[in-house]
Amino acid sequence: MITTEKKTAAIKSVQAHKNDTGGPAAQVAVLTERIKELTEHLKINKHDFMARRGLLQMVGKRRRLLRYIASHDSQAYLDLIKQLGIRR
């Protein structure tokens, strides 16, 4: 489970303005942190299939959000994936 501090740090790193906590970029940043934590969990617990299913759902949701960002502003998309270290 992602801690509140990690979540707020992820949101602050990509905020468009001071009150932006739920924009697509902020959602992608939070999902990226959750995916990183769950990936580490699955390296230890290889047979946790429910966590694996949750991971796949999060990756799919992040992919859809990134597709939305790319369709609206391609430069913002490129900046976001570079900042978060996501492959294209």
PDB file of N, CA and C in Angstrom:
ATOM      1  N   MET A   1       0.846  -1.177   0.000  1.00  0.00           N
ATOM      2  CA  MET A   1       0.000   0.000   0.000  1.00  0.00           C
ATOM      3  C   MET A   1       0.888   1.236   0.000  1.00  0.00           C
ATOM      4  N   ILE A   2       0.557   2.174  -0.838  1.00  0.00           N
ATOM      5  CA  ILE A   2       1.346   3.401  -0.966  1.00  0.00           C
ATOM      6  C   ILE A   2       1.066   4.322   0.229  1.00  0.00           C
ATOM      7  N   THR A   3       2.120   4.916   0.764  1.00  0.00           N
ATOM      8  CA  THR A   3       1.951   5.799   1.913  1.00  0.00           C
ATOM      9  C   THR A   3       1.470   7.173   1.447  1.00  0.00           C
ATOM     10  N   THR A   4       0.907   7.912   2.368  1.00  0.00           N
ATOM     11  CA  THR A   4       0.396   9.247   2.062  1.00  0.00           C
ATOM     12  C   THR A   4       1.522  10.177   1.624  1.00  0.00           C
ATOM     13  N   GLU A   5       2.686  10.027   2.236  1.00  0.00           N
ATOM     14  CA  GLU A   5       3.816  10.887   1.886  1.00  0.00           C
ATOM     15  C   GLU A   5       4.263  10.642   0.453  1.00  0.00           C
ATOM     16  N   LYS A   6       4.331   9.362   0.053  1.00  0.00           N
ATOM     17  CA  LYS A   6       4.737   9.040  -1.316  1.00  0.00           C
ATOM     18  C   LYS A   6       3.708   9.543  -2.318  1.00  0.00           C
ATOM     19  N   LYS A   7       2.443   9.433  -1.943  1.00  0.00           N
ATOM     20  CA  LYS A   7       1.373   9.873  -2.837  1.00  0.00           C
ATOM     21  C   LYS A   7       1.425  11.380  -3.045  1.00  0.00           C
ATOM     22  N   THR A   8       1.575  12.132  -1.964  1.00  0.00           N
ATOM     23  CA  THR A   8       1.630  13.586  -2.095  1.00  0.00           C
ATOM     24  C   THR A   8       2.887  14.024  -2.841  1.00  0.00           C
ATOM     25  N   ALA A   9       4.004  13.327  -2.629  1.00  0.00           N
ATOM     26  CA  ALA A   9       5.235  13.668  -3.346  1.00  0.00           C
ATOM     27  C   ALA A   9       5.082  13.412  -4.839  1.00  0.00           C
ATOM     28  N   ALA A  10       4.422  12.313  -5.185  1.00  0.00           N
ATOM     29  CA  ALA A  10       4.204  12.001  -6.596  1.00  0.00           C
ATOM     30  C   ALA A  10       3.302  13.039  -7.248  1.00  0.00           C
ATOM     31  N   ILE A  11       2.272  13.457  -6.534  1.00  0.00           N
ATOM     32  CA  ILE A  11       1.349  14.456  -7.082  1.00  0.00           C
ATOM     33  C   ILE A  11       2.049  15.800  -7.235  1.00  0.00           C
ATOM     34  N   LYS A  12       2.835  16.194  -6.216  1.00  0.00           N
ATOM     35  CA  LYS A  12       3.524  17.481  -6.271  1.00  0.00           C
ATOM     36  C   LYS A  12       4.521  17.551  -7.417  1.00  0.00           C
ATOM     37  N   SER A  13       5.096  16.399  -7.791  1.00  0.00           N
ATOM     38  CA  SER A  13       6.109  16.409  -8.841  1.00  0.00           C
ATOM     39  C   SER A  13       5.532  16.702 -10.224  1.00  0.00           C
ATOM     40  N   VAL A  14       4.220  16.497 -10.400  1.00  0.00           N
ATOM     41  CA  VAL A  14       3.628  16.684 -11.728  1.00  0.00           C
ATOM     42  C   VAL A  14       2.447  17.660 -11.739  1.00  0.00           C
ATOM     43  N   GLN A  15       2.231  18.382 -10.665  1.00  0.00           N
ATOM     44  CA  GLN A  15       1.088  19.288 -10.583  1.00  0.00           C
ATOM     45  C   GLN A  15       1.172  20.380 -11.642  1.00  0.00           C
ATOM     46  N   ALA A  16       0.030  20.669 -12.280  1.00  0.00           N
ATOM     47  CA  ALA A  16      -0.051  21.762 -13.239  1.00  0.00           C
ATOM     48  C   ALA A  16      -0.227  23.097 -12.494  1.00  0.00           C
ATOM     49  N   HIS A  17      -0.959  23.055 -11.396  1.00  0.00           N
ATOM     50  CA  HIS A  17      -1.147  24.228 -10.550  1.00  0.00           C
ATOM     51  C   HIS A  17      -1.281  23.755  -9.108  1.00  0.00           C
ATOM     52  N   LYS A  18      -1.395  24.683  -8.178  1.00  0.00           N
ATOM     53  CA  LYS A  18      -1.349  24.367  -6.748  1.00  0.00           C
ATOM     54  C   LYS A  18      -2.419  23.375  -6.309  1.00  0.00           C
ATOM     55  N   ASN A  19      -3.628  23.477  -6.841  1.00  0.00           N
ATOM     56  CA  ASN A  19      -4.724  22.618  -6.399  1.00  0.00           C
ATOM     57  C   ASN A  19      -4.952  21.412  -7.292  1.00  0.00           C
ATOM     58  N   ASP A  20      -4.035  21.114  -8.191  1.00  0.00           N
ATOM     59  CA  ASP A  20      -4.198  19.988  -9.113  1.00  0.00           C
ATOM     60  C   ASP A  20      -3.818  18.691  -8.394  1.00  0.00           C
ATOM     61  N   THR A  21      -4.831  17.959  -7.940  1.00  0.00           N
ATOM     62  CA  THR A  21      -4.564  16.693  -7.261  1.00  0.00           C
ATOM     63  C   THR A  21      -5.182  15.510  -7.978  1.00  0.00           C
ATOM     64  N   GLY A  22      -6.025  15.757  -8.975  1.00  0.00           N
ATOM     65  CA  GLY A  22      -6.702  14.639  -9.626  1.00  0.00           C
ATOM     66  C   GLY A  22      -6.633  14.676 -11.130  1.00  0.00           C
ATOM     67  N   GLY A  23      -5.780  15.517 -11.681  1.00  0.00           N
ATOM     68  CA  GLY A  23      -5.631  15.588 -13.126  1.00  0.00           C
ATOM     69  C   GLY A  23      -5.017  14.307 -13.665  1.00  0.00           C
ATOM     70  N   PRO A  24      -5.067  14.107 -14.960  1.00  0.00           N
ATOM     71  CA  PRO A  24      -4.530  12.877 -15.544  1.00  0.00           C
ATOM     72  C   PRO A  24      -3.051  12.653 -15.224  1.00  0.00           C
ATOM     73  N   ALA A  25      -2.258  13.710 -15.248  1.00  0.00           N
ATOM     74  CA  ALA A  25      -0.828  13.561 -14.948  1.00  0.00           C
ATOM     75  C   ALA A  25      -0.623  13.136 -13.496  1.00  0.00           C
ATOM     76  N   ALA A  26      -1.401  13.696 -12.585  1.00  0.00           N
ATOM     77  CA  ALA A  26      -1.293  13.322 -11.168  1.00  0.00           C
ATOM     78  C   ALA A  26      -1.722  11.875 -10.964  1.00  0.00           C
ATOM     79  N   GLN A  27      -2.780  11.452 -11.667  1.00  0.00           N
ATOM     80  CA  GLN A  27      -3.232  10.072 -11.556  1.00  0.00           C
ATOM     81  C   GLN A  27      -2.177   9.110 -12.077  1.00  0.00           C
ATOM     82  N   VAL A  28      -1.509   9.469 -13.173  1.00  0.00           N
ATOM     83  CA  VAL A  28      -0.451   8.617 -13.729  1.00  0.00           C
ATOM     84  C   VAL A  28       0.706   8.512 -12.747  1.00  0.00           C
ATOM     85  N   ALA A  29       1.061   9.628 -12.109  1.00  0.00           N
ATOM     86  CA  ALA A  29       2.170   9.615 -11.147  1.00  0.00           C
ATOM     87  C   ALA A  29       1.851   8.707  -9.962  1.00  0.00           C
ATOM     88  N   VAL A  30       0.629   8.777  -9.438  1.00  0.00           N
ATOM     89  CA  VAL A  30       0.239   7.939  -8.307  1.00  0.00           C
ATOM     90  C   VAL A  30       0.210   6.468  -8.723  1.00  0.00           C
ATOM     91  N   LEU A  31      -0.344   6.193  -9.893  1.00  0.00           N
ATOM     92  CA  LEU A  31      -0.382   4.811 -10.375  1.00  0.00           C
ATOM     93  C   LEU A  31       1.027   4.260 -10.569  1.00  0.00           C
ATOM     94  N   THR A  32       1.938   5.098 -11.032  1.00  0.00           N
ATOM     95  CA  THR A  32       3.321   4.650 -11.223  1.00  0.00           C
ATOM     96  C   THR A  32       3.949   4.249  -9.900  1.00  0.00           C
ATOM     97  N   GLU A  33       3.707   5.023  -8.861  1.00  0.00           N
ATOM     98  CA  GLU A  33       4.240   4.675  -7.535  1.00  0.00           C
ATOM     99  C   GLU A  33       3.636   3.360  -7.033  1.00  0.00           C
ATOM    100  N   ARG A  34       2.321   3.202  -7.216  1.00  0.00           N
ATOM    101  CA  ARG A  34       1.665   1.965  -6.785  1.00  0.00           C
ATOM    102  C   ARG A  34       2.194   0.768  -7.564  1.00  0.00           C
ATOM    103  N   ILE A  35       2.423   0.945  -8.856  1.00  0.00           N
ATOM    104  CA  ILE A  35       2.936  -0.141  -9.688  1.00  0.00           C
ATOM    105  C   ILE A  35       4.333  -0.536  -9.242  1.00  0.00           C
ATOM    106  N   LYS A  36       5.164   0.442  -8.913  1.00  0.00           N
ATOM    107  CA  LYS A  36       6.524   0.145  -8.434  1.00  0.00           C
ATOM    108  C   LYS A  36       6.483  -0.689  -7.150  1.00  0.00           C
ATOM    109  N   GLU A  37       5.619  -0.288  -6.210  1.00  0.00           N
ATOM    110  CA  GLU A  37       5.526  -1.023  -4.949  1.00  0.00           C
ATOM    111  C   GLU A  37       4.998  -2.432  -5.159  1.00  0.00           C
ATOM    112  N   LEU A  38       4.001  -2.573  -6.002  1.00  0.00           N
ATOM    113  CA  LEU A  38       3.413  -3.887  -6.239  1.00  0.00           C
ATOM    114  C   LEU A  38       4.377  -4.794  -6.995  1.00  0.00           C
ATOM    115  N   THR A  39       5.188  -4.220  -7.861  1.00  0.00           N
ATOM    116  CA  THR A  39       6.190  -5.007  -8.574  1.00  0.00           C
ATOM    117  C   THR A  39       7.204  -5.583  -7.591  1.00  0.00           C
ATOM    118  N   GLU A  40       7.630  -4.780  -6.633  1.00  0.00           N
ATOM    119  CA  GLU A  40       8.558  -5.273  -5.611  1.00  0.00           C
ATOM    120  C   GLU A  40       7.906  -6.375  -4.771  1.00  0.00           C
ATOM    121  N   HIS A  41       6.634  -6.219  -4.450  1.00  0.00           N
ATOM    122  CA  HIS A  41       5.916  -7.241  -3.690  1.00  0.00           C
ATOM    123  C   HIS A  41       5.874  -8.555  -4.464  1.00  0.00           C
ATOM    124  N   LEU A  42       5.626  -8.459  -5.773  1.00  0.00           N
ATOM    125  CA  LEU A  42       5.500  -9.676  -6.575  1.00  0.00           C
ATOM    126  C   LEU A  42       6.835 -10.352  -6.826  1.00  0.00           C
ATOM    127  N   LYS A  43       7.943  -9.625  -6.705  1.00  0.00           N
ATOM    128  CA  LYS A  43       9.258 -10.263  -6.814  1.00  0.00           C
ATOM    129  C   LYS A  43       9.484 -11.224  -5.647  1.00  0.00           C
ATOM    130  N   ILE A  44       8.909 -10.885  -4.499  1.00  0.00           N
ATOM    131  CA  ILE A  44       9.059 -11.723  -3.305  1.00  0.00           C
ATOM    132  C   ILE A  44       7.982 -12.806  -3.275  1.00  0.00           C
ATOM    133  N   ASN A  45       6.742 -12.433  -3.568  1.00  0.00           N
ATOM    134  CA  ASN A  45       5.601 -13.338  -3.496  1.00  0.00           C
ATOM    135  C   ASN A  45       5.142 -13.707  -4.905  1.00  0.00           C
ATOM    136  N   LYS A  46       5.796 -14.671  -5.507  1.00  0.00           N
ATOM    137  CA  LYS A  46       5.549 -15.010  -6.904  1.00  0.00           C
ATOM    138  C   LYS A  46       4.168 -15.603  -7.140  1.00  0.00           C
ATOM    139  N   HIS A  47       3.566 -16.199  -6.154  1.00  0.00           N
ATOM    140  CA  HIS A  47       2.284 -16.880  -6.330  1.00  0.00           C
ATOM    141  C   HIS A  47       1.084 -16.048  -5.887  1.00  0.00           C
ATOM    142  N   ASP A  48       1.277 -14.772  -5.684  1.00  0.00           N
ATOM    143  CA  ASP A  48       0.179 -13.889  -5.299  1.00  0.00           C
ATOM    144  C   ASP A  48      -0.540 -13.434  -6.573  1.00  0.00           C
ATOM    145  N   PHE A  49      -1.451 -14.256  -7.034  1.00  0.00           N
ATOM    146  CA  PHE A  49      -2.092 -14.016  -8.324  1.00  0.00           C
ATOM    147  C   PHE A  49      -3.113 -12.883  -8.267  1.00  0.00           C
ATOM    148  N   MET A  50      -3.713 -12.643  -7.120  1.00  0.00           N
ATOM    149  CA  MET A  50      -4.647 -11.524  -7.008  1.00  0.00           C
ATOM    150  C   MET A  50      -3.898 -10.190  -7.102  1.00  0.00           C
ATOM    151  N   ALA A  51      -2.719 -10.132  -6.516  1.00  0.00           N
ATOM    152  CA  ALA A  51      -1.917  -8.921  -6.630  1.00  0.00           C
ATOM    153  C   ALA A  51      -1.460  -8.735  -8.077  1.00  0.00           C
ATOM    154  N   ARG A  52      -1.154  -9.833  -8.755  1.00  0.00           N
ATOM    155  CA  ARG A  52      -0.742  -9.758 -10.158  1.00  0.00           C
ATOM    156  C   ARG A  52      -1.895  -9.215 -11.016  1.00  0.00           C
ATOM    157  N   ARG A  53      -3.108  -9.647 -10.725  1.00  0.00           N
ATOM    158  CA  ARG A  53      -4.273  -9.160 -11.459  1.00  0.00           C
ATOM    159  C   ARG A  53      -4.471  -7.663 -11.210  1.00  0.00           C
ATOM    160  N   GLY A  54      -4.309  -7.249  -9.958  1.00  0.00           N
ATOM    161  CA  GLY A  54      -4.411  -5.829  -9.635  1.00  0.00           C
ATOM    162  C   GLY A  54      -3.343  -5.011 -10.346  1.00  0.00           C
ATOM    163  N   LEU A  55      -2.141  -5.575 -10.440  1.00  0.00           N
ATOM    164  CA  LEU A  55      -1.053  -4.898 -11.139  1.00  0.00           C
ATOM    165  C   LEU A  55      -1.404  -4.706 -12.610  1.00  0.00           C
ATOM    166  N   LEU A  56      -1.928  -5.738 -13.241  1.00  0.00           N
ATOM    167  CA  LEU A  56      -2.308  -5.629 -14.649  1.00  0.00           C
ATOM    168  C   LEU A  56      -3.418  -4.605 -14.856  1.00  0.00           C
ATOM    169  N   GLN A  57      -4.346  -4.524 -13.926  1.00  0.00           N
ATOM    170  CA  GLN A  57      -5.409  -3.526 -14.026  1.00  0.00           C
ATOM    171  C   GLN A  57      -4.840  -2.114 -13.904  1.00  0.00           C
ATOM    172  N   MET A  58      -3.895  -1.924 -12.981  1.00  0.00           N
ATOM    173  CA  MET A  58      -3.287  -0.606 -12.810  1.00  0.00           C
ATOM    174  C   MET A  58      -2.492  -0.201 -14.040  1.00  0.00           C
ATOM    175  N   VAL A  59      -1.760  -1.159 -14.618  1.00  0.00           N
ATOM    176  CA  VAL A  59      -0.980  -0.863 -15.820  1.00  0.00           C
ATOM    177  C   VAL A  59      -1.913  -0.474 -16.962  1.00  0.00           C
ATOM    178  N   GLY A  60      -3.041  -1.162 -17.079  1.00  0.00           N
ATOM    179  CA  GLY A  60      -4.004  -0.831 -18.124  1.00  0.00           C
ATOM    180  C   GLY A  60      -4.615   0.544 -17.921  1.00  0.00           C
ATOM    181  N   LYS A  61      -4.934   0.875 -16.686  1.00  0.00           N
ATOM    182  CA  LYS A  61      -5.510   2.195 -16.395  1.00  0.00           C
ATOM    183  C   LYS A  61      -4.491   3.288 -16.688  1.00  0.00           C
ATOM    184  N   ARG A  62      -3.237   3.055 -16.308  1.00  0.00           N
ATOM    185  CA  ARG A  62      -2.189   4.042 -16.578  1.00  0.00           C
ATOM    186  C   ARG A  62      -1.995   4.218 -18.081  1.00  0.00           C
ATOM    187  N   ARG A  63      -2.066   3.102 -18.824  1.00  0.00           N
ATOM    188  CA  ARG A  63      -1.918   3.174 -20.278  1.00  0.00           C
ATOM    189  C   ARG A  63      -3.040   4.004 -20.904  1.00  0.00           C
ATOM    190  N   ARG A  64      -4.268   3.820 -20.421  1.00  0.00           N
ATOM    191  CA  ARG A  64      -5.390   4.591 -20.948  1.00  0.00           C
ATOM    192  C   ARG A  64      -5.233   6.084 -20.628  1.00  0.00           C
ATOM    193  N   LEU A  65      -4.797   6.394 -19.406  1.00  0.00           N
ATOM    194  CA  LEU A  65      -4.593   7.797 -19.040  1.00  0.00           C
ATOM    195  C   LEU A  65      -3.477   8.427 -19.871  1.00  0.00           C
ATOM    196  N   LEU A  66      -2.414   7.676 -20.103  1.00  0.00           N
ATOM    197  CA  LEU A  66      -1.321   8.198 -20.922  1.00  0.00           C
ATOM    198  C   LEU A  66      -1.771   8.417 -22.366  1.00  0.00           C
ATOM    199  N   ARG A  67      -2.613   7.536 -22.866  1.00  0.00           N
ATOM    200  CA  ARG A  67      -3.147   7.706 -24.217  1.00  0.00           C
ATOM    201  C   ARG A  67      -3.997   8.985 -24.291  1.00  0.00           C
ATOM    202  N   TYR A  68      -4.765   9.243 -23.239  1.00  0.00           N
ATOM    203  CA  TYR A  68      -5.570  10.467 -23.175  1.00  0.00           C
ATOM    204  C   TYR A  68      -4.677  11.702 -23.181  1.00  0.00           C
ATOM    205  N   ILE A  69      -3.625  11.683 -22.365  1.00  0.00           N
ATOM    206  CA  ILE A  69      -2.709  12.827 -22.299  1.00  0.00           C
ATOM    207  C   ILE A  69      -2.035  13.037 -23.649  1.00  0.00           C
ATOM    208  N   ALA A  70      -1.612  11.948 -24.289  1.00  0.00           N
ATOM    209  CA  ALA A  70      -0.934  12.052 -25.582  1.00  0.00           C
ATOM    210  C   ALA A  70      -1.860  12.611 -26.654  1.00  0.00           C
ATOM    211  N   SER A  71      -3.138  12.276 -26.590  1.00  0.00           N
ATOM    212  CA  SER A  71      -4.059  12.769 -27.609  1.00  0.00           C
ATOM    213  C   SER A  71      -4.368  14.250 -27.439  1.00  0.00           C
ATOM    214  N   HIS A  72      -4.239  14.767 -26.222  1.00  0.00           N
ATOM    215  CA  HIS A  72      -4.550  16.172 -25.978  1.00  0.00           C
ATOM    216  C   HIS A  72      -3.318  17.075 -26.069  1.00  0.00           C
ATOM    217  N   ASP A  73      -2.175  16.597 -25.591  1.00  0.00           N
ATOM    218  CA  ASP A  73      -0.955  17.418 -25.602  1.00  0.00           C
ATOM    219  C   ASP A  73       0.251  16.486 -25.675  1.00  0.00           C
ATOM    220  N   SER A  74       0.790  16.316 -26.868  1.00  0.00           N
ATOM    221  CA  SER A  74       1.867  15.339 -27.056  1.00  0.00           C
ATOM    222  C   SER A  74       3.144  15.742 -26.325  1.00  0.00           C
ATOM    223  N   GLN A  75       3.431  17.040 -26.221  1.00  0.00           N
ATOM    224  CA  GLN A  75       4.634  17.466 -25.524  1.00  0.00           C
ATOM    225  C   GLN A  75       4.524  17.201 -24.027  1.00  0.00           C
ATOM    226  N   ALA A  76       3.355  17.408 -23.454  1.00  0.00           N
ATOM    227  CA  ALA A  76       3.147  17.111 -22.036  1.00  0.00           C
ATOM    228  C   ALA A  76       3.309  15.613 -21.788  1.00  0.00           C
ATOM    229  N   TYR A  77       2.842  14.798 -22.734  1.00  0.00           N
ATOM    230  CA  TYR A  77       2.991  13.347 -22.629  1.00  0.00           C
ATOM    231  C   TYR A  77       4.465  12.964 -22.606  1.00  0.00           C
ATOM    232  N   LEU A  78       5.244  13.520 -23.533  1.00  0.00           N
ATOM    233  CA  LEU A  78       6.676  13.188 -23.594  1.00  0.00           C
ATOM    234  C   LEU A  78       7.402  13.645 -22.337  1.00  0.00           C
ATOM    235  N   ASP A  79       7.055  14.820 -21.831  1.00  0.00           N
ATOM    236  CA  ASP A  79       7.673  15.322 -20.603  1.00  0.00           C
ATOM    237  C   ASP A  79       7.326  14.430 -19.410  1.00  0.00           C
ATOM    238  N   LEU A  80       6.061  13.983 -19.352  1.00  0.00           N
ATOM    239  CA  LEU A  80       5.607  13.165 -18.228  1.00  0.00           C
ATOM    240  C   LEU A  80       6.299  11.811 -18.203  1.00  0.00           C
ATOM    241  N   ILE A  81       6.380  11.132 -19.347  1.00  0.00           N
ATOM    242  CA  ILE A  81       7.012   9.805 -19.334  1.00  0.00           C
ATOM    243  C   ILE A  81       8.507   9.914 -19.068  1.00  0.00           C
ATOM    244  N   LYS A  82       9.104  11.017 -19.496  1.00  0.00           N
ATOM    245  CA  LYS A  82      10.530  11.212 -19.205  1.00  0.00           C
ATOM    246  C   LYS A  82      10.732  11.449 -17.713  1.00  0.00           C
ATOM    247  N   GLN A  83       9.864  12.266 -17.115  1.00  0.00           N
ATOM    248  CA  GLN A  83       9.979  12.585 -15.694  1.00  0.00           C
ATOM    249  C   GLN A  83       9.741  11.368 -14.816  1.00  0.00           C
ATOM    250  N   LEU A  84       8.766  10.517 -15.187  1.00  0.00           N
ATOM    251  CA  LEU A  84       8.431   9.351 -14.369  1.00  0.00           C
ATOM    252  C   LEU A  84       9.268   8.119 -14.703  1.00  0.00           C
ATOM    253  N   GLY A  85       9.995   8.168 -15.806  1.00  0.00           N
ATOM    254  CA  GLY A  85      10.833   7.037 -16.182  1.00  0.00           C
ATOM    255  C   GLY A  85      10.026   5.878 -16.745  1.00  0.00           C
ATOM    256  N   ILE A  86       8.978   6.203 -17.502  1.00  0.00           N
ATOM    257  CA  ILE A  86       8.125   5.178 -18.110  1.00  0.00           C
ATOM    258  C   ILE A  86       8.572   4.985 -19.547  1.00  0.00           C
ATOM    259  N   ARG A  87       8.607   3.732 -19.987  1.00  0.00           N
ATOM    260  CA  ARG A  87       8.930   3.478 -21.393  1.00  0.00           C
ATOM    261  C   ARG A  87       7.746   3.866 -22.250  1.00  0.00           C
ATOM    262  N   ARG A  88       8.020   4.226 -23.482  1.00  0.00           N
ATOM    263  CA  ARG A  88       6.979   4.677 -24.387  1.00  0.00           C
ATOM    264  C   ARG A  88       6.140   3.545 -24.892  1.00  0.00           C
TER     265      ARG A  88
END
